[in-house]
Amino acid sequence: MSVIVWGRDNDYKVCTPYPPEVSNGIEKIFSANKSAFQNLGRIQLGPFSPDYAEFSIDTAIMKQCQTSSGRRFAVERSIMGRSSALAKGYVWEFEGDTQSHWFAYDISTMTYLEETYSKLMKRRPKSKKRQPIVNMKGHFQMQYVIDVEKMQQTRADTGKVRNIQRRPLTQAYMPDQSYPWQSPLSSGTAMNVPVFTRSSLKRRNVAASGGAAQQTAGTLASKQQPTPPAPIAAAAAAVNQPSAPSAVKKSATKKQQGLGSSQQKGNAGEEREPLPLENKIRIVTKKLKAARPAEEVLQQYATVIKVDEENYGSNSDVDTDEETEGQENQHCSICCDKLSTPSGYGEGEASANVVVQLKRCGHKFHRLCLLEMYKATHKNESLQCPTCKLIYGEKTGICPAGVMKWTILHGASVAGYEGYDTISVSYHIEPGVQGPEHPKPGQPFFTQGFPRVGYLPDTNEGRKVLKLMIEAWRRRLMFTVGTSYTTGSSDVVTWNEIHHKTELHGNYFGHGYPDPSYLANVILELADHGVTEDCL
């Protein structure tokens, strides 16, 4: 039976297989999320094997990433025929410079070696047609001659000999149940689903190399797949992924119904929070209407108080603590000076002595201080009390145009929410030019790490958070343009203090699960931006 093998390109752009435990772990996640695989963000490989603790796969661009070096290599998903070594349960390896330190050959070389070895074993021991020698130069333009009977590799130009071995695997690769159907990601992404044949092996274009035998170039397939797209193109491809065949869809649906997926049933007797109707929300930047004068906005939300002892101390809306504290001890929390003294923004003018009180929360400030604070922030005709953070009006942000998408990852649970599916939320924003609402109008802004992906448990509370996040996205509050706290880069799109869990498996970077207080905390963060259940 054919098997599914995941691998990554080496320095010579030839695919080297992951060990079965890693490949199978990736395949399980892929099988559960075929149509939404590119929205999963990063898959940490450490949980599959300790040897891969510093490696992850960025599914949006289909590349393996190394934490320490930042190096990236294309990742491929291959279907290996039953005559291949990996399908038979063997791996071909060569010995490194250190004794007993073995390295796997690339998939293409491994396939040809197995073909030669199988033919050798089928012929009579004394047959003159026995051909244990594989001249890699003749087939692959490589300076190696491999003897699959003596299990040796000889470099033609130097005569250096290395041992090779055909080692049995301790764990099998996952069998392919869907062939000849190809993965929906095999078109237009860095994923290939090649079927290796002898003719295709002979036809491949391989560059001469002075390294070890696995250091070849070019990727084999009966049909070459397109060049891996740039991150932005990959994100665009993910928006319109072709769906699986109907037979596969029906099978998956039956499986989900049989398992009682959390999307449909949840816990016994639990009434489910309905999911949002839209799963793709686009925001666009519109031409801003003329802003109302700041004085007019302030008049809508605050009451002016004359600064004399009679009017200042008799206002019945002032908190009890403030009333007993007295005029001399009250301070403006914007300038930190006493309200009994003039504002520093208009010293010497009569208006500098005017104090205003916000109508709902009752907090007091110098009128000129509050005006300057409003003018210094995004002029969206909303006002946030600097003391208690209560928002007057509807707060909107300056997030650039983009697309937010969400999908259900069936069969995938985040730690702490076992038995529930997972909601994947992705954001796609491209570089552009700053508008009049941004810090530097007319200057370019940049994006780093997009598309960005977050994960929520598919619980009632998780679904509520999803709806609140959608509302925050519509109000352009999810991201802002400024300086990145992590990289120090300026004029970049950054998170706007609404935290997301960006790790589906594990918590290697502190942005994953388990975190029992996360949903409650993010609801508070959304409320700080004026996005609450009352908005839904």
Protein backbone atom coordinates (compact mmCIF):
# COMPACT_ATOMS: atom_id res chain seq x y z
CA MET A 1 0.00 0.00 0.00
CA SER A 2 1.16 3.51 -0.75
CA VAL A 3 2.17 5.67 2.20
CA ILE A 4 2.10 9.39 2.90
CA VAL A 5 5.47 10.96 3.65
CA TRP A 6 6.09 14.53 4.73
CA GLY A 7 9.53 15.98 4.18
CA ARG A 8 11.43 19.22 3.86
CA ASP A 9 13.90 20.45 1.27
CA ASN A 10 17.58 20.50 2.17
CA ASP A 11 20.10 23.13 1.06
CA TYR A 12 20.02 21.67 -2.45
CA LYS A 13 16.22 21.84 -2.69
CA VAL A 14 15.78 18.08 -2.57
CA CYS A 15 13.17 16.63 -0.24
CA THR A 16 14.46 14.69 2.78
CA PRO A 17 11.77 12.72 4.66
CA TYR A 18 10.78 13.42 8.21
CA PRO A 19 10.94 10.36 10.47
CA PRO A 20 7.61 8.50 10.70
CA GLU A 21 6.62 9.91 14.10
CA VAL A 22 6.97 13.48 12.80
CA SER A 23 5.46 12.81 9.37
CA ASN A 24 2.48 10.98 10.86
CA GLY A 25 1.87 13.75 13.39
CA ILE A 26 1.74 16.34 10.61
CA GLU A 27 -0.51 14.11 8.49
CA LYS A 28 -3.03 13.66 11.31
CA ILE A 29 -3.43 17.42 11.58
CA PHE A 30 -3.60 17.76 7.80
CA SER A 31 -6.22 14.99 7.46
CA ALA A 32 -8.47 16.68 10.01
CA ASN A 33 -8.18 20.08 8.31
CA LYS A 34 -7.62 19.53 4.59
CA SER A 35 -9.50 22.57 3.32
CA ALA A 36 -8.30 24.87 6.12
CA PHE A 37 -4.74 23.63 6.55
CA GLN A 38 -3.14 26.88 5.42
CA ASN A 39 -5.06 28.77 8.11
CA LEU A 40 -3.58 26.79 11.01
CA GLY A 41 -0.57 29.05 11.48
CA ARG A 42 2.44 27.25 12.96
CA ILE A 43 2.59 23.55 13.78
CA GLN A 44 5.25 22.86 16.40
CA LEU A 45 7.17 19.65 15.64
CA GLY A 46 8.58 19.25 19.15
CA PRO A 47 5.55 17.30 20.45
CA PHE A 48 6.15 14.66 17.76
CA SER A 49 9.87 14.22 18.42
CA PRO A 50 12.28 15.91 20.88
CA ASP A 51 14.84 16.10 18.06
CA TYR A 52 12.58 18.65 16.34
CA ALA A 53 11.88 20.85 19.37
CA GLU A 54 13.16 24.02 17.68
CA PHE A 55 11.37 23.40 14.40
CA SER A 56 7.87 24.36 13.28
CA ILE A 57 5.91 24.46 10.04
CA ASP A 58 4.31 27.70 8.89
CA THR A 59 1.27 26.34 7.06
CA ALA A 60 0.51 29.63 5.31
CA ILE A 61 3.72 29.45 3.28
CA MET A 62 4.38 25.69 3.70
CA LYS A 63 7.88 26.07 5.08
CA GLN A 64 9.78 24.60 8.00
CA CYS A 65 11.15 27.28 10.32
CA GLN A 66 14.05 26.89 12.74
CA THR A 67 13.78 29.01 15.88
CA SER A 68 17.50 29.45 16.54
CA SER A 69 18.63 30.33 13.01
CA GLY A 70 15.45 31.58 11.36
CA ARG A 71 16.19 29.40 8.31
CA ARG A 72 13.25 28.21 6.24
CA PHE A 73 12.86 25.26 3.90
CA ALA A 74 9.94 24.25 1.72
CA VAL A 75 7.79 21.41 3.06
CA GLU A 76 6.29 18.74 0.83
CA ARG A 77 3.67 16.01 1.18
CA SER A 78 4.46 12.99 -0.99
CA ILE A 79 2.58 9.80 -1.76
CA MET A 80 5.13 6.98 -2.02
CA GLY A 81 4.17 3.88 -4.02
CA ARG A 82 4.19 0.45 -2.41
CA SER A 83 7.45 -0.47 -4.15
CA SER A 84 9.30 2.41 -2.48
CA ALA A 85 11.61 1.82 0.46
CA LEU A 86 9.56 3.94 2.85
CA ALA A 87 6.35 2.08 1.96
CA LYS A 88 8.14 -1.24 2.56
CA GLY A 89 9.27 -0.02 5.95
CA TYR A 90 12.93 0.77 5.19
CA VAL A 91 15.05 3.90 5.00
CA TRP A 92 18.33 4.29 3.10
CA GLU A 93 21.06 6.14 5.01
CA PHE A 94 24.73 7.01 4.66
CA GLU A 95 27.28 7.32 7.44
CA GLY A 96 28.60 10.77 8.25
CA ASP A 97 32.13 11.77 9.19
CA THR A 98 31.44 10.57 12.73
CA GLN A 99 31.17 6.80 13.01
CA SER A 100 27.62 5.46 13.53
CA HIS A 101 26.18 8.89 12.79
CA TRP A 102 23.70 8.22 10.00
CA PHE A 103 21.86 10.56 7.64
CA ALA A 104 18.87 9.76 5.45
CA TYR A 105 19.18 10.08 1.69
CA ASP A 106 16.74 12.36 -0.08
CA ILE A 107 13.51 10.71 -1.24
CA SER A 108 14.47 10.58 -4.92
CA THR A 109 17.86 8.93 -4.35
CA MET A 110 16.29 6.57 -1.83
CA THR A 111 13.67 5.53 -4.37
CA TYR A 112 16.26 4.72 -7.04
CA LEU A 113 18.44 2.79 -4.61
CA GLU A 114 15.48 0.67 -3.55
CA GLU A 115 14.60 -0.06 -7.16
CA THR A 116 18.15 -1.21 -7.87
CA TYR A 117 18.31 -3.24 -4.66
CA SER A 118 14.98 -4.97 -5.39
CA LYS A 119 16.10 -6.00 -8.87
CA LEU A 120 19.34 -7.29 -7.44
CA MET A 121 17.54 -9.47 -4.92
CA LYS A 122 15.21 -10.95 -7.55
CA ARG A 123 17.99 -12.25 -9.82
CA ARG A 124 19.85 -15.49 -9.39
CA PRO A 125 22.98 -15.30 -7.26
CA LYS A 126 25.26 -16.29 -10.20
CA SER A 127 23.42 -14.29 -12.84
CA LYS A 128 25.60 -12.06 -14.99
CA LYS A 129 22.76 -9.57 -15.08
CA ARG A 130 23.28 -8.75 -11.43
CA GLN A 131 23.87 -5.00 -11.22
CA PRO A 132 24.69 -4.02 -7.64
CA ILE A 133 26.39 -0.80 -8.74
CA VAL A 134 24.51 2.48 -9.07
CA ASN A 135 26.45 5.15 -10.93
CA MET A 136 24.97 8.34 -9.56
CA LYS A 137 26.88 10.42 -12.06
CA GLY A 138 25.22 8.68 -14.97
CA HIS A 139 21.74 9.07 -13.55
CA PHE A 140 21.88 12.16 -11.33
CA GLN A 141 25.05 14.06 -12.34
CA MET A 142 26.54 13.26 -8.92
CA GLN A 143 30.13 12.22 -8.21
CA TYR A 144 29.16 8.99 -6.44
CA VAL A 145 29.11 5.27 -7.15
CA ILE A 146 26.96 3.24 -4.78
CA ASP A 147 27.25 -0.52 -4.32
CA VAL A 148 23.98 -1.75 -2.81
CA GLU A 149 25.49 -5.21 -2.28
CA LYS A 150 28.59 -4.11 -0.35
CA MET A 151 26.59 -1.23 1.12
CA GLN A 152 29.22 1.35 0.25
CA GLN A 153 29.23 4.76 -1.38
CA THR A 154 32.40 5.88 -3.16
CA ARG A 155 33.14 9.41 -4.30
CA ALA A 156 34.43 9.09 -7.86
CA ASP A 157 36.87 12.01 -7.87
CA THR A 158 38.47 11.43 -4.44
CA GLY A 159 37.89 7.73 -3.79
CA LYS A 160 36.46 8.44 -0.33
CA VAL A 161 34.28 5.57 0.84
CA ARG A 162 31.29 5.82 3.15
CA ASN A 163 29.15 3.06 4.57
CA ILE A 164 25.47 2.99 3.71
CA GLN A 165 22.62 0.98 5.15
CA ARG A 166 19.05 -0.08 4.43
CA ARG A 167 17.60 0.19 7.91
CA PRO A 168 14.17 -1.11 8.94
CA LEU A 169 11.90 1.57 10.37
CA THR A 170 10.68 1.14 13.94
CA GLN A 171 7.40 2.85 13.01
CA ALA A 172 5.50 2.76 9.73
CA TYR A 173 4.39 5.78 7.74
CA MET A 174 0.65 6.36 7.53
CA PRO A 175 -1.02 4.49 4.64
CA ASP A 176 -2.64 6.52 1.90
CA GLN A 177 -6.38 5.92 1.81
CA SER A 178 -7.32 8.49 -0.81
CA TYR A 179 -4.92 7.98 -3.72
CA PRO A 180 -5.16 8.91 -6.59
CA TRP A 181 -6.94 11.94 -5.16
CA GLN A 182 -4.50 14.76 -4.50
CA SER A 183 -4.50 17.12 -1.58
CA PRO A 184 -6.31 20.41 -2.23
CA LEU A 185 -3.06 22.10 -1.25
CA SER A 186 -1.07 20.42 -4.01
CA SER A 187 -2.08 23.10 -6.49
CA GLY A 188 -0.60 26.54 -6.15
CA THR A 189 1.38 25.92 -2.97
CA ALA A 190 4.70 24.49 -1.93
CA MET A 191 3.15 21.07 -1.41
CA ASN A 192 3.83 18.37 -4.00
CA VAL A 193 2.18 14.98 -4.24
CA PRO A 194 4.62 13.27 -6.62
CA VAL A 195 4.35 9.72 -7.91
CA PHE A 196 7.89 8.47 -8.47
CA THR A 197 8.61 6.37 -11.55
CA ARG A 198 11.85 5.19 -13.08
CA SER A 199 11.38 7.36 -16.15
CA SER A 200 10.82 10.45 -14.05
CA LEU A 201 13.88 9.63 -11.99
CA LYS A 202 16.01 9.43 -15.11
CA ARG A 203 14.65 12.68 -16.48
CA ARG A 204 15.29 14.80 -13.43
CA ASN A 205 17.65 17.73 -13.63
CA VAL A 206 20.29 17.42 -10.92
CA ALA A 207 23.20 19.77 -10.34
CA ALA A 208 26.67 18.38 -9.71
CA SER A 209 27.64 18.60 -6.05
CA GLY A 210 30.70 17.87 -3.95
CA GLY A 211 28.73 17.08 -0.77
CA ALA A 212 27.22 13.90 0.55
CA ALA A 213 24.93 11.74 -1.51
CA GLN A 214 21.74 13.41 -0.38
CA GLN A 215 22.95 16.79 -1.64
CA THR A 216 21.21 16.84 -4.99
CA ALA A 217 19.07 19.52 -6.51
CA GLY A 218 15.63 19.49 -8.05
CA THR A 219 12.44 17.83 -6.91
CA LEU A 220 11.11 14.74 -8.61
CA ALA A 221 7.55 14.31 -9.68
CA SER A 222 5.78 12.93 -12.71
CA LYS A 223 4.26 16.42 -12.98
CA GLN A 224 6.17 19.39 -11.63
CA GLN A 225 4.14 21.55 -9.25
CA PRO A 226 4.23 25.35 -9.39
CA THR A 227 6.96 27.27 -7.61
CA PRO A 228 6.10 27.89 -3.95
CA PRO A 229 4.31 31.22 -3.72
CA ALA A 230 5.32 34.19 -1.63
CA PRO A 231 3.57 34.52 1.73
CA ILE A 232 1.01 36.98 0.39
CA ALA A 233 0.20 34.74 -2.56
CA ALA A 234 -0.11 31.77 -0.25
CA ALA A 235 -2.53 33.70 1.90
CA ALA A 236 -4.57 34.59 -1.15
CA ALA A 237 -4.57 30.95 -2.25
CA ALA A 238 -5.87 29.95 1.16
CA VAL A 239 -8.93 32.17 0.72
CA ASN A 240 -10.16 30.13 -2.23
CA GLN A 241 -9.07 26.59 -1.50
CA PRO A 242 -10.73 23.97 -3.70
CA SER A 243 -12.89 21.63 -1.68
CA ALA A 244 -12.42 17.89 -1.36
CA PRO A 245 -14.38 15.48 -3.58
CA SER A 246 -17.98 14.91 -2.53
CA ALA A 247 -17.26 11.35 -1.45
CA VAL A 248 -14.58 12.57 0.91
CA LYS A 249 -16.89 15.30 2.21
CA LYS A 250 -19.66 12.80 2.94
CA SER A 251 -17.25 10.48 4.70
CA ALA A 252 -15.89 13.32 6.83
CA THR A 253 -19.40 14.49 7.68
CA LYS A 254 -20.43 11.03 8.82
CA LYS A 255 -17.29 10.75 10.90
CA GLN A 256 -17.95 14.09 12.58
CA GLN A 257 -21.55 13.15 13.30
CA GLY A 258 -20.49 9.83 14.72
CA LEU A 259 -17.96 11.48 17.03
CA GLY A 260 -20.48 14.11 18.10
CA SER A 261 -18.37 17.10 17.10
CA SER A 262 -18.50 20.05 19.45
CA GLN A 263 -19.74 22.27 16.64
CA GLN A 264 -23.01 20.34 16.45
CA LYS A 265 -23.57 18.83 19.88
CA GLY A 266 -21.20 20.02 22.57
CA ASN A 267 -21.62 18.48 25.99
CA ALA A 268 -24.76 16.53 26.76
CA GLY A 269 -27.68 18.88 27.41
CA GLU A 270 -25.66 21.99 26.59
CA GLU A 271 -27.38 24.59 24.44
CA ARG A 272 -24.85 25.79 21.91
CA GLU A 273 -24.06 29.41 21.22
CA PRO A 274 -24.78 29.92 17.50
CA LEU A 275 -21.82 30.58 15.26
CA PRO A 276 -21.53 33.85 13.30
CA LEU A 277 -23.24 33.78 9.92
CA GLU A 278 -20.22 35.19 8.07
CA ASN A 279 -16.87 33.41 8.08
CA LYS A 280 -15.04 35.93 5.89
CA ILE A 281 -15.16 39.58 6.94
CA ARG A 282 -13.48 42.22 4.82
CA ILE A 283 -12.75 45.76 5.96
CA VAL A 284 -11.87 48.54 3.54
CA THR A 285 -10.51 52.01 4.14
CA LYS A 286 -13.04 54.65 3.19
CA LYS A 287 -12.58 58.33 2.58
CA LEU A 288 -12.99 59.94 5.96
CA LYS A 289 -15.84 62.37 6.41
CA ALA A 290 -15.05 65.78 7.82
CA ALA A 291 -14.46 65.41 11.55
CA ARG A 292 -16.61 67.37 13.97
CA PRO A 293 -14.75 70.08 15.89
CA ALA A 294 -13.17 68.75 19.06
CA GLU A 295 -15.02 71.35 21.15
CA GLU A 296 -18.35 70.07 19.82
CA VAL A 297 -17.48 66.45 20.65
CA LEU A 298 -16.38 67.40 24.15
CA GLN A 299 -19.60 69.35 24.73
CA GLN A 300 -21.57 66.19 23.89
CA TYR A 301 -19.89 64.08 26.57
CA ALA A 302 -18.94 66.54 29.34
CA THR A 303 -20.45 69.29 31.45
CA VAL A 304 -18.53 72.51 32.11
CA ILE A 305 -18.06 73.52 35.75
CA LYS A 306 -17.14 77.06 36.78
CA VAL A 307 -14.01 77.04 38.87
CA ASP A 308 -15.17 78.86 41.94
CA GLU A 309 -15.64 77.35 45.35
CA GLU A 310 -19.45 77.56 45.29
CA ASN A 311 -20.03 75.74 42.01
CA TYR A 312 -17.03 73.46 42.27
CA GLY A 313 -17.96 71.85 45.60
CA SER A 314 -21.74 71.64 45.21
CA ASN A 315 -22.04 69.29 42.25
CA SER A 316 -24.14 66.35 43.39
CA ASP A 317 -22.74 63.97 40.76
CA VAL A 318 -19.24 63.95 42.23
CA ASP A 319 -18.16 60.76 44.04
CA THR A 320 -18.36 60.94 47.84
CA ASP A 321 -14.61 60.50 48.20
CA GLU A 322 -14.02 63.42 45.89
CA GLU A 323 -16.51 65.62 47.74
CA THR A 324 -14.79 65.11 51.09
CA GLU A 325 -11.36 65.47 49.60
CA GLY A 326 -11.91 69.14 48.83
CA GLN A 327 -11.04 71.37 45.93
CA GLU A 328 -7.38 71.82 46.79
CA ASN A 329 -6.61 68.08 46.78
CA GLN A 330 -8.30 67.07 43.49
CA HIS A 331 -6.03 66.57 40.49
CA CYS A 332 -6.44 66.40 36.73
CA SER A 333 -5.23 62.91 35.80
CA ILE A 334 -4.03 64.19 32.42
CA CYS A 335 -1.62 66.93 33.52
CA CYS A 336 -1.39 65.72 37.17
CA ASP A 337 -1.84 69.31 38.45
CA LYS A 338 -4.54 70.36 40.89
CA LEU A 339 -7.86 71.31 39.38
CA SER A 340 -7.76 74.49 41.44
CA THR A 341 -4.78 75.66 39.35
CA PRO A 342 -4.92 76.60 35.65
CA SER A 343 -4.20 74.06 32.93
CA GLY A 344 -0.72 74.29 31.51
CA TYR A 345 -2.15 74.36 27.99
CA GLY A 346 -3.70 77.81 28.44
CA GLU A 347 -1.88 79.47 31.28
CA GLY A 348 -2.82 83.13 31.57
CA GLU A 349 -6.12 82.65 29.73
CA ALA A 350 -9.53 82.49 31.37
CA SER A 351 -10.28 79.14 29.69
CA ALA A 352 -7.36 77.55 31.55
CA ASN A 353 -9.41 77.62 34.76
CA VAL A 354 -12.41 75.75 33.33
CA VAL A 355 -13.01 72.23 34.62
CA VAL A 356 -15.30 69.69 32.94
CA GLN A 357 -17.01 66.62 34.33
CA LEU A 358 -17.74 63.61 32.11
CA LYS A 359 -21.47 62.93 32.16
CA ARG A 360 -21.54 59.17 32.81
CA CYS A 361 -18.54 58.40 35.02
CA GLY A 362 -18.32 61.81 36.74
CA HIS A 363 -14.53 62.17 36.50
CA LYS A 364 -13.18 65.73 36.22
CA PHE A 365 -10.40 67.25 34.15
CA HIS A 366 -9.15 70.58 32.92
CA ARG A 367 -11.17 71.31 29.81
CA LEU A 368 -8.06 72.25 27.83
CA CYS A 369 -6.26 69.07 28.94
CA LEU A 370 -9.16 66.91 27.76
CA LEU A 371 -9.27 68.78 24.44
CA GLU A 372 -5.54 68.24 23.84
CA MET A 373 -5.87 64.55 24.70
CA TYR A 374 -8.69 64.14 22.19
CA LYS A 375 -6.79 65.98 19.45
CA ALA A 376 -3.70 63.82 20.02
CA THR A 377 -5.62 60.57 19.53
CA HIS A 378 -7.58 59.20 16.59
CA LYS A 379 -10.37 61.71 15.98
CA ASN A 380 -13.25 59.26 15.63
CA GLU A 381 -15.78 61.30 17.63
CA SER A 382 -15.46 58.94 20.58
CA LEU A 383 -13.84 59.73 23.89
CA GLN A 384 -12.31 57.40 26.46
CA CYS A 385 -12.06 58.54 30.06
CA PRO A 386 -8.35 58.48 30.96
CA THR A 387 -9.22 57.58 34.56
CA CYS A 388 -11.72 54.70 34.34
CA LYS A 389 -11.44 53.91 30.58
CA LEU A 390 -15.19 54.28 30.06
CA ILE A 391 -15.85 54.94 26.36
CA TYR A 392 -18.22 57.64 25.15
CA GLY A 393 -19.53 57.03 21.65
CA GLU A 394 -18.29 54.16 19.46
CA LYS A 395 -14.54 53.72 19.45
CA THR A 396 -12.97 52.87 16.11
CA GLY A 397 -9.37 52.24 15.19
CA ILE A 398 -6.92 52.64 12.33
CA CYS A 399 -6.40 49.02 11.21
CA PRO A 400 -5.57 48.94 7.47
CA ALA A 401 -7.80 47.15 4.97
CA GLY A 402 -7.76 43.37 5.15
CA VAL A 403 -9.67 40.12 5.51
CA MET A 404 -10.57 38.19 8.65
CA LYS A 405 -11.59 34.54 8.28
CA TRP A 406 -12.58 31.83 10.72
CA THR A 407 -13.10 28.11 10.38
CA ILE A 408 -13.74 25.09 12.58
CA LEU A 409 -10.85 22.62 12.92
CA HIS A 410 -12.70 19.35 13.44
CA GLY A 411 -10.92 16.82 15.60
CA ALA A 412 -8.31 19.32 16.82
CA SER A 413 -8.47 20.34 20.49
CA VAL A 414 -6.35 22.87 22.34
CA ALA A 415 -4.95 21.85 25.71
CA GLY A 416 -7.50 22.27 28.48
CA TYR A 417 -10.47 21.92 26.13
CA GLU A 418 -10.18 18.27 25.14
CA GLY A 419 -13.30 16.97 23.42
CA TYR A 420 -14.03 20.32 21.79
CA ASP A 421 -13.13 21.32 18.26
CA THR A 422 -11.01 24.43 17.70
CA ILE A 423 -11.87 27.72 16.00
CA SER A 424 -9.08 29.05 13.78
CA VAL A 425 -9.16 32.83 13.20
CA SER A 426 -6.86 34.29 10.53
CA TYR A 427 -6.09 37.86 9.50
CA HIS A 428 -4.74 38.88 6.09
CA ILE A 429 -3.33 42.40 5.66
CA GLU A 430 -1.02 43.55 2.87
CA PRO A 431 1.50 46.44 2.91
CA GLY A 432 0.22 49.80 1.75
CA VAL A 433 0.28 53.57 2.23
CA GLN A 434 -0.78 55.27 5.45
CA GLY A 435 -3.99 57.27 5.30
CA PRO A 436 -4.94 60.54 7.03
CA GLU A 437 -5.90 58.64 10.19
CA HIS A 438 -2.44 57.05 10.53
CA PRO A 439 0.68 58.46 12.25
CA LYS A 440 2.50 59.32 9.00
CA PRO A 441 -0.02 60.00 6.20
CA GLY A 442 1.38 59.29 2.74
CA GLN A 443 4.23 57.14 4.05
CA PRO A 444 4.29 53.36 3.47
CA PHE A 445 3.38 50.89 6.18
CA PHE A 446 4.67 47.34 6.34
CA THR A 447 3.41 43.96 7.53
CA GLN A 448 5.32 41.27 9.40
CA GLY A 449 4.16 37.71 10.06
CA PHE A 450 0.92 37.86 8.08
CA PRO A 451 -1.36 36.06 7.72
CA ARG A 452 -1.65 35.88 11.50
CA VAL A 453 -3.66 33.09 13.07
CA GLY A 454 -5.23 32.67 16.50
CA TYR A 455 -7.09 29.77 18.10
CA LEU A 456 -10.17 29.57 20.30
CA PRO A 457 -11.82 26.50 21.81
CA ASP A 458 -15.18 25.80 20.16
CA THR A 459 -17.08 26.27 23.42
CA ASN A 460 -19.95 28.65 24.08
CA GLU A 461 -17.54 31.17 25.58
CA GLY A 462 -15.12 30.66 22.69
CA ARG A 463 -17.89 31.38 20.20
CA LYS A 464 -18.85 34.52 22.11
CA VAL A 465 -15.23 35.70 21.97
CA LEU A 466 -15.22 35.00 18.21
CA LYS A 467 -18.25 37.26 17.73
CA LEU A 468 -16.64 40.01 19.81
CA MET A 469 -13.42 39.70 17.79
CA ILE A 470 -15.39 40.03 14.57
CA GLU A 471 -16.99 43.23 15.90
CA ALA A 472 -13.57 44.56 16.94
CA TRP A 473 -12.25 43.75 13.46
CA ARG A 474 -15.16 45.59 11.82
CA ARG A 475 -14.37 48.63 13.97
CA ARG A 476 -10.72 48.47 12.85
CA LEU A 477 -9.55 47.85 16.43
CA MET A 478 -7.71 44.54 16.05
CA PHE A 479 -4.47 46.00 14.66
CA THR A 480 -2.87 49.42 14.57
CA VAL A 481 0.03 51.07 12.74
CA GLY A 482 3.05 52.01 14.80
CA THR A 483 6.22 50.55 16.30
CA SER A 484 6.47 46.81 16.94
CA TYR A 485 7.24 45.94 20.57
CA THR A 486 8.89 42.66 19.52
CA THR A 487 11.08 43.80 16.60
CA GLY A 488 11.38 47.55 17.18
CA SER A 489 10.40 48.20 13.55
CA SER A 490 8.43 51.37 12.87
CA ASP A 491 5.48 51.92 10.54
CA VAL A 492 4.35 48.29 10.84
CA VAL A 493 0.97 46.70 11.49
CA THR A 494 0.93 45.44 15.08
CA TRP A 495 -1.54 43.87 17.48
CA ASN A 496 -3.68 46.44 19.30
CA GLU A 497 -3.68 44.96 22.82
CA ILE A 498 -6.24 42.24 22.05
CA HIS A 499 -4.24 39.12 22.74
CA HIS A 500 -4.53 35.96 20.63
CA LYS A 501 -3.38 32.41 21.22
CA THR A 502 -1.22 31.75 18.17
CA GLU A 503 -0.01 28.23 19.04
CA LEU A 504 -2.35 25.35 18.28
CA HIS A 505 -0.14 22.67 19.83
CA GLY A 506 2.03 23.32 22.85
CA ASN A 507 3.01 26.56 24.53
CA TYR A 508 6.63 26.95 23.44
CA PHE A 509 6.49 30.73 22.98
CA GLY A 510 3.98 31.52 25.71
CA HIS A 511 1.14 32.05 23.24
CA GLY A 512 -0.63 28.72 23.53
CA TYR A 513 -2.78 26.60 25.79
CA PRO A 514 -3.56 25.56 28.49
CA ASP A 515 -4.61 28.93 29.88
CA PRO A 516 -7.90 28.68 31.81
CA SER A 517 -8.19 32.46 32.25
CA TYR A 518 -7.53 33.44 28.62
CA LEU A 519 -11.13 33.73 27.43
CA ALA A 520 -12.14 35.85 30.43
CA ASN A 521 -9.08 38.07 30.00
CA VAL A 522 -9.61 38.67 26.29
CA ILE A 523 -13.25 39.59 26.95
CA LEU A 524 -11.97 42.29 29.33
CA GLU A 525 -9.45 43.47 26.71
CA LEU A 526 -12.23 43.76 24.14
CA ALA A 527 -14.36 45.66 26.66
CA ASP A 528 -11.50 48.13 27.12
CA HIS A 529 -11.99 48.94 23.43
CA GLY A 530 -15.74 49.33 23.90
CA VAL A 531 -16.61 45.94 22.39
CA THR A 532 -19.00 44.11 24.74
CA GLU A 533 -21.95 41.72 24.49
CA ASP A 534 -24.22 44.76 24.19
CA CYS A 535 -22.68 45.33 20.74
CA LEU A 536 -23.75 41.92 19.41
